[in-house]
């Protein structure tokens, strides 16, 4: 089983990612210019997630996307979540 990370001491998170209110996830909300841009972003993240074999919990409302990452089998945040957050954050056209 993957090793849980202590959210209070998690310093390796990319900018704008934060501990979820549930204490078992890391989250970020993204805003885009349009629904099409948000959906394109989600498609790209889906490919990253498939490649990592690690899938986000997410929601979309028009131009907004909320992503929560957690390793459900471990009961919280692991290196897999941090790695996927970094891959998502490294995506070139993310809004600032």
Protein backbone atom coordinates (compact mmCIF):
# COMPACT_ATOMS: atom_id res chain seq x y z
CA UNK A 1 0.00 0.00 0.00
CA UNK A 2 1.21 3.53 -0.78
CA UNK A 3 2.55 5.58 2.12
CA UNK A 4 0.28 8.40 3.33
CA UNK A 5 1.75 11.89 3.41
CA UNK A 6 1.21 14.22 6.34
CA UNK A 7 -0.81 17.13 4.90
CA UNK A 8 0.44 19.52 7.58
CA UNK A 9 4.01 18.98 6.46
CA UNK A 10 3.41 18.75 2.72
CA UNK A 11 5.81 21.26 1.19
CA UNK A 12 6.23 19.70 -2.23
CA UNK A 13 2.81 20.72 -3.55
CA UNK A 14 2.78 22.83 -6.70
CA UNK A 15 1.56 26.42 -6.34
CA UNK A 16 -2.18 26.87 -5.74
CA UNK A 17 -2.75 23.25 -4.62
CA UNK A 18 -3.92 22.99 -1.03
CA UNK A 19 -5.10 20.43 1.48
CA UNK A 20 -8.78 19.58 1.08
CA UNK A 21 -11.28 20.30 3.81
CA UNK A 22 -11.70 16.55 4.27
CA UNK A 23 -8.06 16.23 5.32
CA UNK A 24 -7.65 13.34 2.86
CA UNK A 25 -7.10 15.13 -0.45
CA UNK A 26 -5.35 17.96 -2.22
CA UNK A 27 -7.46 20.32 -4.31
CA UNK A 28 -7.31 23.12 -6.81
CA UNK A 29 -9.97 25.08 -8.67
CA UNK A 30 -9.34 26.36 -12.19
CA UNK A 31 -11.20 29.05 -14.17
CA UNK A 32 -11.09 29.30 -17.94
CA UNK A 33 -12.37 31.70 -20.59
CA UNK A 34 -15.04 29.29 -21.85
CA UNK A 35 -16.63 25.89 -21.44
CA UNK A 36 -14.67 24.64 -24.47
CA UNK A 37 -11.39 25.65 -22.84
CA UNK A 38 -12.37 23.98 -19.56
CA UNK A 39 -13.40 20.80 -21.37
CA UNK A 40 -10.16 20.77 -23.36
CA UNK A 41 -8.23 21.05 -20.09
CA UNK A 42 -10.21 18.15 -18.61
CA UNK A 43 -9.43 16.04 -21.68
CA UNK A 44 -5.73 16.72 -21.25
CA UNK A 45 -5.89 15.89 -17.53
CA UNK A 46 -7.74 12.67 -18.37
CA UNK A 47 -4.81 11.60 -20.57
CA UNK A 48 -2.32 12.44 -17.81
CA UNK A 49 -4.42 10.47 -15.33
CA UNK A 50 -4.62 7.43 -17.61
CA UNK A 51 -0.87 7.50 -18.14
CA UNK A 52 -0.34 7.65 -14.36
CA UNK A 53 -3.11 5.09 -13.71
CA UNK A 54 -4.40 7.52 -11.10
CA UNK A 55 -7.72 9.29 -11.54
CA UNK A 56 -9.02 12.54 -10.04
CA UNK A 57 -12.32 13.34 -8.42
CA UNK A 58 -13.47 16.41 -10.28
CA UNK A 59 -16.38 18.59 -11.22
CA UNK A 60 -17.06 21.03 -14.02
CA UNK A 61 -19.51 23.92 -14.18
CA UNK A 62 -19.28 25.94 -17.40
CA UNK A 63 -15.77 27.45 -17.29
CA UNK A 64 -14.75 26.15 -13.86
CA UNK A 65 -13.04 22.86 -13.01
CA UNK A 66 -12.39 21.63 -9.47
CA UNK A 67 -9.93 18.77 -9.02
CA UNK A 68 -9.44 16.73 -5.85
CA UNK A 69 -6.66 14.16 -5.69
CA UNK A 70 -6.58 11.35 -3.16
CA UNK A 71 -5.35 7.78 -3.12
CA UNK A 72 -8.56 6.09 -2.00
CA UNK A 73 -6.91 2.71 -1.40
CA UNK A 74 -4.51 4.38 1.07
CA UNK A 75 -7.14 6.61 2.65
CA UNK A 76 -5.48 9.93 1.85
CA UNK A 77 -2.74 11.74 -0.03
CA UNK A 78 0.29 9.84 -1.34
CA UNK A 79 3.15 10.61 -3.72
CA UNK A 80 0.86 9.54 -6.60
CA UNK A 81 -1.37 12.52 -5.85
CA UNK A 82 1.54 14.96 -5.64
CA UNK A 83 3.00 13.60 -8.90
CA UNK A 84 -0.33 14.02 -10.72
CA UNK A 85 -0.77 17.53 -9.26
CA UNK A 86 2.69 18.42 -10.59
CA UNK A 87 1.89 17.00 -14.03
CA UNK A 88 -1.34 19.00 -14.14
CA UNK A 89 0.42 22.15 -12.97
CA UNK A 90 3.12 21.76 -15.62
CA UNK A 91 0.48 21.90 -18.34
CA UNK A 92 1.54 24.87 -20.47
CA UNK A 93 -1.67 26.91 -20.91
CA UNK A 94 -3.09 26.75 -17.42
CA UNK A 95 -4.74 30.01 -16.38
CA UNK A 96 -2.84 32.00 -13.79
